[in-house]
Each structure stands twice: as structure tokens, then as C-alpha cells.
Amino acid sequence: MSDWAIKVEDLGKSYRIKHRAERHSSLRDAIAHKCKSLFRDNGGGERTTEDFWALRNVSFEVKAGEVAGIIGHNGAGKSTLLKILSRITEPTEGRARIKGRIASLLEVGTGFHGELTGRENIFLNGAILGMHRAEIIRKFDEIVAFSEVEKFLDTPVKRYSSGMYMRLAFAVAAHLEPEILIVDEVLAVGDAAFQKRCLGKMKDVAEGGRTVLFVSHNTEAIRSLCQRGIWLKQGRVHRDGKTDEVVEAYFESVSTEPSVTHLNPEYGLTIRNVKLKNGQGEETGQFSPGEDLIVEISYTAQKPVEKPYITLGVLGLYGTCFTANMLLDGARPQVLEGTGTLVCRFKSIPLLPQNYTIKMSVRPQNGVDSIMEYQEVSSFRVVGNLALYGYKGIFLDRASRYTPVVVPYEWLLPDGTRTPVSLNRPPV
């Protein structure tokens, strides 16, 4: 008897995309174009739609009790895959087979009815999951305690904040004991304490022998929770294997991909390019421990952007290492106008040999709205022989699997010996 819980076979999903109709500079041109189209046969007419394949030829199995993480860039097909597995949408080709009772948390409040109260939605979701009323009652207090919405339990959920919505939705999905739990970016919503509790609860679910399929851009969460990683790229399975190996390969690939141009029409601001340079001003994607890292941001502002706030974050395999944040340091430009360049220099980066990415966000003068959401704009790799910096023994093998940052520190041992540690090369 097969031990799989999820089996995906040659899965594909296409969408029909409509293109914007051609614009004409005058009424005469529009009339002429319409008249010409009346005399074209069906085969010679202009094509106004095309098929876009969000997924194509996707196949894999997830064993019962296995915890698998799915990673990939935006648009890779992750959410489409989960919607098919959750029976929200049907595939265009292939099939997805599920063995067991499934609970899905794909968006804030998936499956909730806005007019019903929190209490009523708990029972509604439980019924949808196939739970008996007695089962739901048995878990009811745990769900309410985890979600922390007791005061608003008899309020229609349409009046909940997004954080309250998500807490209750996650609590229902995680506590009603489905055999399979599918979660998409639950850690992207809510405060740090809630995110930590979510991750802890998902670990409890996994350790209880249930199957978990988890999608997240948080590679630290993927590493700590998942035994296996599946990397989707352009709608296909690009790599499937041990989590550490898949995440490492994912970070490695990012360094070879060009920066993405970001345009915000409302503010007239375009981030055209992000270049990385070393302390000598040479463009590169490879640095040494303790070297300067220069981030050069090229922009075009079609209209003045007054006193924007810009944030740069340097992220390793386990999350954020450090940031340059104008919301905190107050060092912001008076105006971005026309074409220009903004430069941030991180001095003597205290990074061990690993792969890293850079994320960037831009906020307007009020510091609340968003011109550019926090997103990946570039990546780089730190390389070097740590033995040259005084490190010895087993640490050399473990460095890439542990903390990516080393700040200067020293130990004072009981015998009075001082052991300074830094990324400065020891004297020869």
C-alpha cells in the first residue's frame, strides 16, 4: 500500500489573458481600423488573447507525515498549485490526488463568511473540514485562546482587523486536526509574537504525524520546519530534495539573475537598476569577509518625490542580518527628481562565506504608504578561507550552517586568557 498523502501527476494550469485593445490617435483611425477588421476572416484577425501557463508538467509526491516547503519567486506558480490541491480551482491538465482530510489557509480568512460572527465561523469551517459538532466543541476553547479574539467572538468577522482575521483563520485550520495542512504565507501577517506562535503550532502539527505543505518566502521558517524543499520556477519543479540543499541552490541562482525594474505610476518613480560594488568601486557579486559593500540605486522620478524613506536589508539564509533604514536613522533625501543615483555603503561587512540577498522598500513622506514594497532587488556571495582569519577546527565546516554575522567580541577565560574574535586578519 502506498504511503503518499499528496500525489501530483503532470499537473498544468493555464489562464486566458486578454490584451488591451489597440489605441488610436483619432476617431478616423479608429473607424478605419474597425472597418478593416470586418473584412478580415477569422484566421486573419488580430489576436487579443493568449494562454498563460501558471503550471506545466508538475509532478511530485508528499508522503504521509512529511513536512514539505515550497519556495520560488513571485509568479512561479506556488499559490496556483496550492489552490488546485485545495480544490479551489481545477487543473487544465494532469491531476492532483489527496488522501485524507485537508485544511487550507491560503489567504487571510479563506473560507470565512464576513456576515457571520467569529463563533459561527469556527463551527462553519469545522463543518466544511468534515468535523462533527462534538469535535469542534472539544477544540473550541483552544482555538479561541490561540486566536486571542475572545472579546470579539460574537462580532461579525467583517469588522475584524486583518491580524484578528488571520489569527482566527489559522487557529481553526491548525486545531481541527486535519490529516493534511496546507499553508500559504501565514507568517507574512501579524506581529512577531503571533508569527512565532504560528511556527510553533505548525511544528506541533508536524510532530503529531500529520502532513504539512508550507509555502513561504521566509527561508528561515522553511529550514526550521520542513524536511524537504520543492523549488518552483516558471511553473515547473526546478529542484526537489533536502531543504538545506534546495534553499542553498535557490540563493545561488538569485545571484545570476538581473535586478527587476520597479515602476510606481502613482508617484512617477522607477527604480531602474541596483548595482553592487566593492570598496574599490568595482561592480561585483562576490565579496570577502570584512570588505565594504556599496549598493548603488539608479532611479527616474517623473515628478518630485518629497522626502522619501528608503530601507535596504541584507538577508542571509536564515533571515535578516542587518539593515540601513531611513525610518530609523532619519537620513533621507529632500527630493527625488529626474534621473539620479542613491548610494548606500555598508562598511566592513561582518559576514561569513554564504549567499545573501538585498531587499529594498520605498515609502513616501508620511512613512506609512508604500511606493515600493519590501522586495528582493539584488544578491551577492561572500567567499573566503576562514582559516586566514584565525578560525580553526570544526567551526570551519559549520560556519555556513550557522550564524552568518560575526561582530568583534572576546572571551575572558577563567585563567585570565583573552580570546578576541573578529574578521580582521591576524598578524602574520
Protein backbone atom coordinates (compact mmCIF):
# COMPACT_ATOMS: atom_id res chain seq x y z
CA MET A 1 0.00 0.00 0.00
CA SER A 2 1.37 3.40 -1.00
CA ASP A 3 2.18 5.81 1.85
CA TRP A 4 1.65 9.07 -0.04
CA ALA A 5 -0.74 11.78 1.18
CA ILE A 6 -0.44 14.10 -1.85
CA LYS A 7 0.27 12.89 -5.36
CA VAL A 8 0.64 15.35 -8.25
CA GLU A 9 0.88 13.93 -11.78
CA ASP A 10 1.76 16.06 -14.85
CA LEU A 11 -0.23 18.96 -13.43
CA GLY A 12 -0.85 22.03 -15.58
CA LYS A 13 -2.94 25.17 -15.23
CA SER A 14 -3.42 27.77 -17.95
CA TYR A 15 -5.25 31.08 -17.95
CA ARG A 16 -6.63 33.03 -20.89
CA ILE A 17 -5.09 36.50 -20.88
CA LYS A 18 -6.80 39.35 -22.71
CA HIS A 19 -4.62 42.04 -24.20
CA ARG A 20 -5.54 45.68 -24.11
CA ALA A 21 -7.18 46.83 -27.35
CA GLU A 22 -5.08 48.98 -29.67
CA ARG A 23 -5.45 52.70 -29.04
CA HIS A 24 -5.91 55.16 -31.90
CA SER A 25 -4.91 58.78 -32.02
CA SER A 26 -8.06 59.94 -33.85
CA LEU A 27 -11.67 58.93 -34.48
CA ARG A 28 -10.86 58.48 -38.18
CA ASP A 29 -8.14 55.91 -37.36
CA ALA A 30 -10.48 54.03 -35.03
CA ILE A 31 -13.26 53.84 -37.66
CA ALA A 32 -10.80 52.74 -40.34
CA HIS A 33 -9.39 50.04 -38.08
CA LYS A 34 -12.89 48.73 -37.28
CA CYS A 35 -13.89 48.63 -40.93
CA LYS A 36 -10.76 46.67 -41.84
CA SER A 37 -11.46 44.13 -39.11
CA LEU A 38 -14.96 43.47 -40.54
CA PHE A 39 -13.45 42.22 -43.80
CA ARG A 40 -10.81 40.00 -42.19
CA ASP A 41 -11.55 36.29 -41.95
CA ASN A 42 -11.33 34.59 -38.59
CA GLY A 43 -7.86 33.32 -39.29
CA GLY A 44 -6.50 36.72 -40.22
CA GLY A 45 -7.98 38.69 -37.35
CA GLU A 46 -5.81 40.23 -34.69
CA ARG A 47 -5.15 38.05 -31.68
CA THR A 48 -6.46 39.65 -28.50
CA THR A 49 -5.93 36.76 -26.07
CA GLU A 50 -3.24 34.23 -25.26
CA ASP A 51 -2.85 31.23 -22.97
CA PHE A 52 -0.54 31.68 -19.99
CA TRP A 53 0.61 28.52 -18.23
CA ALA A 54 0.96 29.19 -14.49
CA LEU A 55 1.92 25.50 -14.01
CA ARG A 56 3.14 22.92 -16.52
CA ASN A 57 4.19 19.27 -16.18
CA VAL A 58 4.41 19.39 -12.38
CA SER A 59 4.82 16.00 -10.68
CA PHE A 60 5.77 15.04 -7.12
CA GLU A 61 4.59 13.04 -4.10
CA VAL A 62 4.41 14.06 -0.46
CA LYS A 63 4.43 11.15 1.98
CA ALA A 64 2.01 10.90 4.87
CA GLY A 65 3.53 12.71 7.86
CA GLU A 66 6.07 14.57 5.72
CA VAL A 67 6.59 18.34 6.03
CA ALA A 68 7.44 19.91 2.68
CA GLY A 69 8.23 23.56 1.93
CA ILE A 70 7.66 25.22 -1.44
CA ILE A 71 9.84 28.17 -2.46
CA GLY A 72 10.21 30.29 -5.59
CA HIS A 73 9.89 33.83 -6.86
CA ASN A 74 6.55 35.62 -7.16
CA GLY A 75 4.75 34.25 -10.21
CA ALA A 76 6.46 30.85 -10.01
CA GLY A 77 3.11 29.07 -9.57
CA LYS A 78 3.19 28.37 -5.82
CA SER A 79 -0.24 29.77 -4.94
CA THR A 80 -1.81 28.27 -8.07
CA LEU A 81 -0.54 24.85 -7.02
CA LEU A 82 -1.99 25.19 -3.53
CA LYS A 83 -5.36 26.33 -4.89
CA ILE A 84 -5.54 23.22 -7.06
CA LEU A 85 -4.61 20.98 -4.13
CA SER A 86 -7.26 22.73 -2.01
CA ARG A 87 -9.90 22.18 -4.73
CA ILE A 88 -10.43 25.92 -5.14
CA THR A 89 -9.62 25.72 -8.84
CA GLU A 90 -9.43 22.86 -11.33
CA PRO A 91 -6.29 21.98 -13.30
CA THR A 92 -6.19 22.36 -17.08
CA GLU A 93 -4.32 19.09 -17.43
CA GLY A 94 -2.99 16.31 -15.22
CA ARG A 95 -4.36 15.56 -11.79
CA ALA A 96 -3.74 16.05 -8.07
CA ARG A 97 -4.77 13.29 -5.67
CA ILE A 98 -5.30 13.84 -1.95
CA LYS A 99 -5.54 11.05 0.62
CA GLY A 100 -7.03 12.33 3.87
CA ARG A 101 -8.93 15.25 5.32
CA ILE A 102 -7.40 18.55 4.25
CA ALA A 103 -7.39 22.07 5.80
CA SER A 104 -6.11 25.04 3.80
CA LEU A 105 -5.05 28.51 4.82
CA LEU A 106 -4.22 30.30 1.58
CA GLU A 107 -5.31 33.88 2.24
CA VAL A 108 -6.50 35.97 5.15
CA GLY A 109 -9.84 34.48 6.18
CA THR A 110 -10.11 31.85 3.48
CA GLY A 111 -13.47 30.12 3.94
CA PHE A 112 -14.85 32.69 6.36
CA HIS A 113 -18.20 34.39 5.84
CA GLY A 114 -17.98 38.09 6.64
CA GLU A 115 -21.53 38.41 7.95
CA LEU A 116 -21.12 35.57 10.45
CA THR A 117 -19.52 36.00 13.86
CA GLY A 118 -16.20 34.50 14.87
CA ARG A 119 -18.02 31.84 16.86
CA GLU A 120 -20.24 30.91 13.90
CA ASN A 121 -17.27 30.80 11.53
CA ILE A 122 -15.44 28.35 13.78
CA PHE A 123 -18.35 25.93 13.50
CA LEU A 124 -18.80 26.64 9.77
CA ASN A 125 -15.14 25.95 9.00
CA GLY A 126 -15.17 22.83 11.12
CA ALA A 127 -18.19 21.52 9.22
CA ILE A 128 -16.50 22.29 5.89
CA LEU A 129 -13.50 20.27 7.06
CA GLY A 130 -15.82 17.35 7.81
CA MET A 131 -15.67 17.65 11.60
CA HIS A 132 -18.53 16.52 13.81
CA ARG A 133 -20.02 19.16 16.10
CA ALA A 134 -18.68 17.30 19.14
CA GLU A 135 -15.13 17.51 17.74
CA ILE A 136 -15.44 21.24 17.19
CA ILE A 137 -16.81 21.82 20.70
CA ARG A 138 -13.92 19.82 22.15
CA LYS A 139 -11.36 22.08 20.40
CA PHE A 140 -13.34 25.33 20.71
CA ASP A 141 -11.61 26.75 23.80
CA GLU A 142 -8.13 26.02 22.39
CA ILE A 143 -9.00 27.78 19.14
CA VAL A 144 -10.30 30.88 20.93
CA ALA A 145 -7.31 31.00 23.29
CA PHE A 146 -4.81 30.75 20.43
CA SER A 147 -6.55 33.38 18.29
CA GLU A 148 -6.95 35.87 21.17
CA VAL A 149 -10.29 37.15 19.81
CA GLU A 150 -12.44 36.16 22.79
CA LYS A 151 -13.77 39.72 23.28
CA PHE A 152 -14.92 39.83 19.66
CA LEU A 153 -16.15 36.25 19.33
CA ASP A 154 -19.76 37.33 18.74
CA THR A 155 -18.83 40.17 16.34
CA PRO A 156 -19.18 39.66 12.56
CA VAL A 157 -15.71 38.91 11.20
CA LYS A 158 -16.09 41.59 8.50
CA ARG A 159 -15.31 44.04 11.33
CA TYR A 160 -12.09 42.23 12.32
CA SER A 161 -8.67 43.67 11.53
CA SER A 162 -6.52 41.64 9.14
CA GLY A 163 -4.47 40.41 12.12
CA MET A 164 -7.55 39.21 14.03
CA TYR A 165 -8.89 37.58 10.86
CA MET A 166 -5.64 35.71 10.29
CA ARG A 167 -5.25 34.62 13.90
CA LEU A 168 -8.72 33.07 13.95
CA ALA A 169 -8.35 31.50 10.49
CA PHE A 170 -5.02 29.91 11.39
CA ALA A 171 -6.31 28.74 14.77
CA VAL A 172 -9.26 26.95 13.14
CA ALA A 173 -7.13 25.35 10.40
CA ALA A 174 -4.41 24.16 12.80
CA HIS A 175 -6.55 22.96 15.73
CA LEU A 176 -9.26 20.93 13.99
CA GLU A 177 -6.85 18.07 13.32
CA PRO A 178 -6.92 17.54 9.55
CA GLU A 179 -4.65 14.85 8.15
CA ILE A 180 -3.18 17.41 5.72
CA LEU A 181 -2.49 21.09 6.44
CA ILE A 182 -1.74 23.47 3.54
CA VAL A 183 -0.48 26.91 4.48
CA ASP A 184 0.48 29.81 2.20
CA GLU A 185 2.48 32.70 3.71
CA VAL A 186 0.71 32.69 7.09
CA LEU A 187 3.82 34.24 8.63
CA ALA A 188 3.53 37.31 6.42
CA VAL A 189 0.63 38.64 8.51
CA GLY A 190 0.55 39.56 12.16
CA ASP A 191 3.11 40.66 14.71
CA ALA A 192 6.31 38.83 15.62
CA ALA A 193 4.74 37.11 18.63
CA PHE A 194 1.89 35.71 16.52
CA GLN A 195 4.30 34.56 13.80
CA LYS A 196 6.36 32.73 16.40
CA ARG A 197 3.28 31.01 17.81
CA CYS A 198 2.16 30.02 14.31
CA LEU A 199 5.50 28.44 13.59
CA GLY A 200 5.42 26.64 16.93
CA LYS A 201 1.92 25.33 16.27
CA MET A 202 2.92 24.11 12.80
CA LYS A 203 5.83 22.24 14.39
CA ASP A 204 3.38 20.61 16.80
CA VAL A 205 1.16 19.62 13.86
CA ALA A 206 4.13 18.16 12.00
CA GLU A 207 5.45 16.29 15.04
CA GLY A 208 1.97 14.84 15.50
CA GLY A 209 2.45 12.88 12.30
CA ARG A 210 0.26 14.98 10.03
CA THR A 211 1.26 16.11 6.55
CA VAL A 212 2.14 19.79 6.05
CA LEU A 213 2.69 21.67 2.78
CA PHE A 214 4.08 25.13 3.54
CA VAL A 215 4.72 28.00 1.11
CA SER A 216 6.80 30.93 2.32
CA HIS A 217 9.41 33.47 1.24
CA ASN A 218 10.81 33.15 4.75
CA THR A 219 13.60 30.65 4.14
CA GLU A 220 14.43 30.60 7.86
CA ALA A 221 10.94 29.26 8.58
CA ILE A 222 11.23 26.76 5.70
CA ARG A 223 14.56 25.49 7.04
CA SER A 224 13.39 25.12 10.63
CA LEU A 225 10.07 23.47 9.82
CA CYS A 226 10.46 21.42 6.65
CA GLN A 227 12.29 18.18 5.99
CA ARG A 228 12.05 18.66 2.22
CA GLY A 229 12.14 21.59 -0.18
CA ILE A 230 10.41 21.94 -3.57
CA TRP A 231 11.59 24.85 -5.72
CA LEU A 232 9.12 26.04 -8.36
CA LYS A 233 10.45 28.13 -11.22
CA GLN A 234 8.32 29.45 -14.10
CA GLY A 235 5.55 26.99 -13.30
CA ARG A 236 7.72 23.87 -13.14
CA VAL A 237 9.52 21.88 -10.45
CA HIS A 238 13.09 23.12 -10.78
CA ARG A 239 14.53 21.21 -7.83
CA ASP A 240 13.24 18.80 -5.20
CA GLY A 241 15.26 17.44 -2.29
CA LYS A 242 16.61 18.11 1.20
CA THR A 243 15.60 21.55 2.45
CA ASP A 244 19.12 22.88 3.08
CA GLU A 245 20.30 21.83 -0.37
CA VAL A 246 17.28 23.30 -2.19
CA VAL A 247 17.41 26.60 -0.31
CA GLU A 248 21.15 26.90 -0.90
CA ALA A 249 20.67 26.29 -4.64
CA TYR A 250 17.83 28.84 -4.70
CA PHE A 251 20.06 31.52 -3.15
CA GLU A 252 22.88 30.58 -5.52
CA SER A 253 20.64 31.12 -8.55
CA VAL A 254 19.44 34.53 -7.39
CA SER A 255 22.95 35.95 -7.82
CA THR A 256 22.87 35.21 -11.56
CA GLU A 257 19.52 36.89 -12.20
CA PRO A 258 19.28 40.57 -13.21
CA SER A 259 17.67 43.19 -10.99
CA VAL A 260 13.99 43.79 -11.69
CA THR A 261 12.89 47.26 -12.72
CA HIS A 262 10.18 48.58 -10.41
CA LEU A 263 7.70 51.22 -11.57
CA ASN A 264 5.13 53.06 -9.46
CA PRO A 265 2.94 55.15 -11.82
CA GLU A 266 1.14 56.91 -8.98
CA TYR A 267 4.33 58.51 -7.69
CA GLY A 268 6.09 58.54 -11.07
CA LEU A 269 9.11 56.75 -9.59
CA THR A 270 11.02 53.99 -11.36
CA ILE A 271 13.84 52.03 -9.71
CA ARG A 272 15.78 51.20 -12.87
CA ASN A 273 18.71 49.23 -11.54
CA VAL A 274 20.55 48.18 -8.39
CA LYS A 275 24.29 47.58 -8.69
CA LEU A 276 26.66 46.16 -6.09
CA LYS A 277 30.25 47.39 -5.89
CA ASN A 278 33.23 46.65 -3.68
CA GLY A 279 35.32 49.19 -1.77
CA GLN A 280 37.29 49.99 -4.92
CA GLY A 281 34.12 50.89 -6.82
CA GLU A 282 34.22 47.75 -9.00
CA GLU A 283 30.88 46.15 -9.84
CA THR A 284 30.76 42.60 -8.50
CA GLY A 285 28.57 39.94 -6.94
CA GLN A 286 31.33 38.46 -4.80
CA PHE A 287 32.82 39.89 -1.62
CA SER A 288 35.25 38.91 1.12
CA PRO A 289 34.52 38.98 4.88
CA GLY A 290 35.16 42.46 6.27
CA GLU A 291 35.03 44.16 2.85
CA ASP A 292 32.90 47.24 2.09
CA LEU A 293 29.62 46.64 0.26
CA ILE A 294 28.32 49.51 -1.88
CA VAL A 295 24.68 49.44 -3.05
CA GLU A 296 24.07 51.83 -5.97
CA ILE A 297 20.40 52.54 -6.77
CA SER A 298 19.54 54.18 -10.11
CA TYR A 299 16.13 55.85 -10.34
CA THR A 300 13.97 58.07 -12.55
CA ALA A 301 11.36 60.35 -10.95
CA GLN A 302 8.92 61.81 -13.47
CA LYS A 303 7.59 64.11 -10.75
CA PRO A 304 9.18 65.20 -7.46
CA VAL A 305 9.05 62.67 -4.64
CA GLU A 306 9.46 64.70 -1.45
CA LYS A 307 11.48 63.31 1.46
CA PRO A 308 11.04 59.57 0.82
CA TYR A 309 12.13 56.89 3.27
CA ILE A 310 14.29 54.09 1.82
CA THR A 311 15.13 50.82 3.52
CA LEU A 312 17.79 48.31 2.49
CA GLY A 313 18.02 44.93 4.15
CA VAL A 314 20.79 42.35 3.84
CA LEU A 315 19.37 38.84 4.29
CA GLY A 316 21.14 35.52 4.72
CA LEU A 317 19.79 32.01 4.55
CA TYR A 318 18.17 32.40 7.98
CA GLY A 319 16.62 35.86 7.62
CA THR A 320 17.67 39.49 8.04
CA CYS A 321 21.27 40.16 9.06
CA PHE A 322 21.20 43.98 9.19
CA THR A 323 19.53 46.96 7.54
CA ALA A 324 20.00 50.58 6.53
CA ASN A 325 16.65 52.15 7.40
CA MET A 326 15.87 55.85 6.86
CA LEU A 327 12.78 55.46 9.05
CA LEU A 328 15.19 54.90 11.93
CA ASP A 329 18.27 56.96 11.09
CA GLY A 330 16.42 59.95 9.55
CA ALA A 331 18.97 60.35 6.73
CA ARG A 332 16.65 60.86 3.77
CA PRO A 333 16.92 62.93 0.58
CA GLN A 334 14.98 66.19 0.36
CA VAL A 335 13.60 65.20 -3.05
CA LEU A 336 14.00 62.59 -5.79
CA GLU A 337 13.57 64.26 -9.16
CA GLY A 338 14.64 63.43 -12.71
CA THR A 339 17.31 60.76 -13.19
CA GLY A 340 19.76 60.11 -10.40
CA THR A 341 21.63 57.68 -8.19
CA LEU A 342 21.40 56.95 -4.48
CA VAL A 343 24.27 55.09 -2.80
CA CYS A 344 24.49 53.21 0.49
CA ARG A 345 27.85 51.96 1.74
CA PHE A 346 27.98 49.19 4.34
CA LYS A 347 31.44 49.34 5.87
CA SER A 348 33.43 46.22 6.70
CA ILE A 349 30.54 43.78 6.32
CA PRO A 350 30.83 41.25 9.19
CA LEU A 351 29.59 38.36 7.04
CA LEU A 352 30.80 34.79 6.82
CA PRO A 353 31.01 32.93 3.48
CA GLN A 354 27.38 32.36 2.39
CA ASN A 355 24.85 33.58 -0.16
CA TYR A 356 22.94 36.79 0.62
CA THR A 357 20.12 38.83 -0.89
CA ILE A 358 19.29 42.53 -0.68
CA LYS A 359 15.73 43.75 -0.21
CA MET A 360 14.54 47.30 -0.68
CA SER A 361 11.44 49.37 0.07
CA VAL A 362 10.49 52.99 -0.58
CA ARG A 363 7.89 54.94 1.40
CA PRO A 364 6.62 58.49 0.81
CA GLN A 365 6.99 61.41 3.20
CA ASN A 366 4.28 60.17 5.58
CA GLY A 367 6.25 56.97 6.21
CA VAL A 368 3.08 54.86 6.07
CA ASP A 369 2.07 54.36 2.44
CA SER A 370 4.18 52.33 0.04
CA ILE A 371 5.87 53.42 -3.17
CA MET A 372 7.80 50.15 -3.43
CA GLU A 373 7.03 47.14 -1.25
CA TYR A 374 9.92 45.41 0.53
CA GLN A 375 11.27 43.06 -2.14
CA GLU A 376 14.45 41.44 -3.46
CA VAL A 377 16.47 43.72 -5.73
CA SER A 378 19.89 42.07 -5.83
CA SER A 379 22.08 39.35 -4.34
CA PHE A 380 25.71 38.57 -3.65
CA ARG A 381 28.02 35.95 -2.23
CA VAL A 382 30.71 36.23 0.43
CA VAL A 383 33.67 33.91 -0.15
CA GLY A 384 36.88 33.31 1.73
CA ASN A 385 39.00 30.91 3.73
CA LEU A 386 38.12 31.47 7.38
CA ALA A 387 41.38 29.83 8.43
CA LEU A 388 43.08 33.04 7.25
CA TYR A 389 41.08 34.95 9.87
CA GLY A 390 42.19 32.76 12.76
CA TYR A 391 39.26 30.31 12.82
CA LYS A 392 40.12 26.70 13.42
CA GLY A 393 38.74 23.20 13.71
CA ILE A 394 35.14 22.15 13.34
CA PHE A 395 33.92 25.77 13.07
CA LEU A 396 35.26 25.88 9.51
CA ASP A 397 32.81 23.14 8.49
CA ARG A 398 29.86 24.52 10.43
CA ALA A 399 30.16 28.21 9.57
CA SER A 400 27.87 28.09 6.53
CA ARG A 401 25.14 26.33 8.52
CA TYR A 402 25.07 28.70 11.48
CA THR A 403 25.13 32.43 12.13
CA PRO A 404 26.13 34.45 9.05
CA VAL A 405 27.27 37.50 11.04
CA VAL A 406 30.35 37.88 13.26
CA VAL A 407 30.81 41.14 15.17
CA PRO A 408 34.04 41.72 17.13
CA TYR A 409 33.94 40.13 20.58
CA GLU A 410 36.25 38.44 23.05
CA TRP A 411 36.15 35.77 25.73
CA LEU A 412 37.84 36.23 29.10
CA LEU A 413 38.60 32.72 30.29
CA PRO A 414 38.91 31.69 33.98
CA ASP A 415 42.70 31.52 33.70
CA GLY A 416 42.80 35.16 32.56
CA THR A 417 43.30 34.40 28.87
CA ARG A 418 41.60 36.82 26.43
CA THR A 419 40.48 35.35 23.08
CA PRO A 420 39.43 38.16 20.69
CA VAL A 421 37.33 37.13 17.68
CA SER A 422 36.77 39.30 14.60
CA LEU A 423 37.02 39.30 10.82
CA ASN A 424 40.33 41.16 10.93
CA ARG A 425 43.18 39.05 9.65
CA PRO A 426 45.60 38.17 12.47
CA PRO A 427 49.17 39.44 12.12
CA VAL A 428 51.49 37.10 10.25
